[in-house]
Amino acid sequence: MVLPADRTEPEPRVHEGFEWLYVLSGRLRMILGEHDVVLGPGEAAEFDTRQPHWFGTTGRGPVEILSLFGSQGERMHLRARARGRSD
């Protein structure tokens, strides 16, 4: 997902689910509940989307992120095993 540089006005939302995001390039401004943080390339966040949240840019250019959304966040943490392996 590429967020344009002009996406700077926070509009926090809530909804069911869980989200994980990773910043690929740019600076991501993220509001999560009462926290207002800026993440740079290589930084990640994960959160329950029932908390008020919003993300956009710092206004100094676009930001590119990888975002995964799931209704049940714990599923993102499961590790699959090849069939027939017992370890």
C-alpha atoms as a PDB file:
ATOM      1  CA  MET A   1       0.000   0.000   0.000  1.00  0.00           C
ATOM      2  CA  VAL A   2       1.375   3.444  -0.905  1.00  0.00           C
ATOM      3  CA  LEU A   3       0.023   6.355   1.117  1.00  0.00           C
ATOM      4  CA  PRO A   4       0.322   9.795  -0.538  1.00  0.00           C
ATOM      5  CA  ALA A   5       2.228  12.614   1.165  1.00  0.00           C
ATOM      6  CA  ASP A   6      -1.000  14.560   1.743  1.00  0.00           C
ATOM      7  CA  ARG A   7      -2.550  11.863   3.955  1.00  0.00           C
ATOM      8  CA  THR A   8      -1.774  13.727   7.171  1.00  0.00           C
ATOM      9  CA  GLU A   9      -5.143  14.423   8.814  1.00  0.00           C
ATOM     10  CA  PRO A  10      -5.884  11.747  11.469  1.00  0.00           C
ATOM     11  CA  GLU A  11      -9.293  10.079  11.323  1.00  0.00           C
ATOM     12  CA  PRO A  12      -9.070   7.220  13.857  1.00  0.00           C
ATOM     13  CA  ARG A  13     -11.342   4.241  13.215  1.00  0.00           C
ATOM     14  CA  VAL A  14     -12.249   1.027  15.025  1.00  0.00           C
ATOM     15  CA  HIS A  15     -13.415  -2.317  13.635  1.00  0.00           C
ATOM     16  CA  GLU A  16     -13.129  -6.017  14.334  1.00  0.00           C
ATOM     17  CA  GLY A  17      -9.844  -7.706  13.558  1.00  0.00           C
ATOM     18  CA  PHE A  18      -6.118  -7.561  13.997  1.00  0.00           C
ATOM     19  CA  GLU A  19      -3.519  -5.818  11.836  1.00  0.00           C
ATOM     20  CA  TRP A  20       0.202  -6.179  11.238  1.00  0.00           C
ATOM     21  CA  LEU A  21       2.093  -3.614   9.193  1.00  0.00           C
ATOM     22  CA  TYR A  22       5.689  -3.178   8.033  1.00  0.00           C
ATOM     23  CA  VAL A  23       7.185   0.061   6.663  1.00  0.00           C
ATOM     24  CA  LEU A  24       8.995  -0.485   3.363  1.00  0.00           C
ATOM     25  CA  SER A  25       9.905   3.163   2.640  1.00  0.00           C
ATOM     26  CA  GLY A  26       9.097   6.641   3.913  1.00  0.00           C
ATOM     27  CA  ARG A  27       7.946   7.676   7.374  1.00  0.00           C
ATOM     28  CA  LEU A  28       4.621   6.351   8.687  1.00  0.00           C
ATOM     29  CA  ARG A  29       2.717   8.330  11.295  1.00  0.00           C
ATOM     30  CA  MET A  30       0.536   5.968  13.299  1.00  0.00           C
ATOM     31  CA  ILE A  31      -2.007   6.852  15.935  1.00  0.00           C
ATOM     32  CA  LEU A  32      -3.022   3.929  18.114  1.00  0.00           C
ATOM     33  CA  GLY A  33      -5.257   4.802  21.036  1.00  0.00           C
ATOM     34  CA  GLU A  34      -3.512   7.671  22.807  1.00  0.00           C
ATOM     35  CA  HIS A  35      -0.123   6.926  21.212  1.00  0.00           C
ATOM     36  CA  ASP A  36       1.172   8.990  18.285  1.00  0.00           C
ATOM     37  CA  VAL A  37       4.339   7.417  16.815  1.00  0.00           C
ATOM     38  CA  VAL A  38       6.418   7.631  13.666  1.00  0.00           C
ATOM     39  CA  LEU A  39       7.819   4.431  12.138  1.00  0.00           C
ATOM     40  CA  GLY A  40      10.589   4.290   9.559  1.00  0.00           C
ATOM     41  CA  PRO A  41      11.718   1.687   7.020  1.00  0.00           C
ATOM     42  CA  GLY A  42      12.171  -1.751   8.573  1.00  0.00           C
ATOM     43  CA  GLU A  43       9.916  -1.053  11.553  1.00  0.00           C
ATOM     44  CA  ALA A  44       6.683  -2.947  12.177  1.00  0.00           C
ATOM     45  CA  ALA A  45       3.578  -2.726  14.345  1.00  0.00           C
ATOM     46  CA  GLU A  46       0.792  -5.103  15.219  1.00  0.00           C
ATOM     47  CA  PHE A  47      -2.421  -4.228  16.994  1.00  0.00           C
ATOM     48  CA  ASP A  48      -6.014  -5.115  17.732  1.00  0.00           C
ATOM     49  CA  THR A  49      -8.154  -3.006  15.389  1.00  0.00           C
ATOM     50  CA  ARG A  50     -10.792  -2.529  18.087  1.00  0.00           C
ATOM     51  CA  GLN A  51      -8.452   0.188  19.393  1.00  0.00           C
ATOM     52  CA  PRO A  52      -8.907   3.564  17.685  1.00  0.00           C
ATOM     53  CA  HIS A  53      -6.220   3.705  14.996  1.00  0.00           C
ATOM     54  CA  TRP A  54      -5.116   5.677  11.953  1.00  0.00           C
ATOM     55  CA  PHE A  55      -2.017   5.747   9.823  1.00  0.00           C
ATOM     56  CA  GLY A  56      -0.760   8.191   7.256  1.00  0.00           C
ATOM     57  CA  THR A  57       2.364  10.172   6.453  1.00  0.00           C
ATOM     58  CA  THR A  58       4.394  12.793   8.257  1.00  0.00           C
ATOM     59  CA  GLY A  59       3.755  15.130   5.307  1.00  0.00           C
ATOM     60  CA  ARG A  60       7.312  14.864   3.978  1.00  0.00           C
ATOM     61  CA  GLY A  61       6.627  12.391   1.205  1.00  0.00           C
ATOM     62  CA  PRO A  62       4.720   9.184   0.530  1.00  0.00           C
ATOM     63  CA  VAL A  63       5.089   6.043   2.616  1.00  0.00           C
ATOM     64  CA  GLU A  64       4.962   2.460   1.373  1.00  0.00           C
ATOM     65  CA  ILE A  65       3.772  -0.240   3.765  1.00  0.00           C
ATOM     66  CA  LEU A  66       2.951  -3.917   3.737  1.00  0.00           C
ATOM     67  CA  SER A  67      -0.248  -4.510   5.699  1.00  0.00           C
ATOM     68  CA  LEU A  68      -1.815  -7.804   6.742  1.00  0.00           C
ATOM     69  CA  PHE A  69      -5.256  -7.837   8.248  1.00  0.00           C
ATOM     70  CA  GLY A  70      -7.000 -10.768   9.835  1.00  0.00           C
ATOM     71  CA  SER A  71     -10.132 -11.247  11.869  1.00  0.00           C
ATOM     72  CA  GLN A  72      -8.161 -13.439  14.262  1.00  0.00           C
ATOM     73  CA  GLY A  73      -4.637 -12.150  14.802  1.00  0.00           C
ATOM     74  CA  GLU A  74      -3.355 -15.326  16.413  1.00  0.00           C
ATOM     75  CA  ARG A  75      -3.611 -17.088  13.051  1.00  0.00           C
ATOM     76  CA  MET A  76      -0.804 -14.869  11.746  1.00  0.00           C
ATOM     77  CA  HIS A  77       1.548 -16.406  14.274  1.00  0.00           C
ATOM     78  CA  LEU A  78       0.987 -20.050  13.344  1.00  0.00           C
ATOM     79  CA  ARG A  79       3.854 -21.860  11.629  1.00  0.00           C
ATOM     80  CA  ALA A  80       2.984 -24.488   9.070  1.00  0.00           C
ATOM     81  CA  ARG A  81       4.814 -27.817   8.972  1.00  0.00           C
ATOM     82  CA  ALA A  82       5.490 -29.906   5.907  1.00  0.00           C
ATOM     83  CA  ARG A  83       3.358 -33.066   5.772  1.00  0.00           C
ATOM     84  CA  GLY A  84       4.952 -36.078   7.346  1.00  0.00           C
ATOM     85  CA  ARG A  85       7.242 -34.103   9.659  1.00  0.00           C
ATOM     86  CA  SER A  86       6.876 -34.770  13.346  1.00  0.00           C
ATOM     87  CA  ASP A  87       9.275 -32.220  14.883  1.00  0.00           C
END
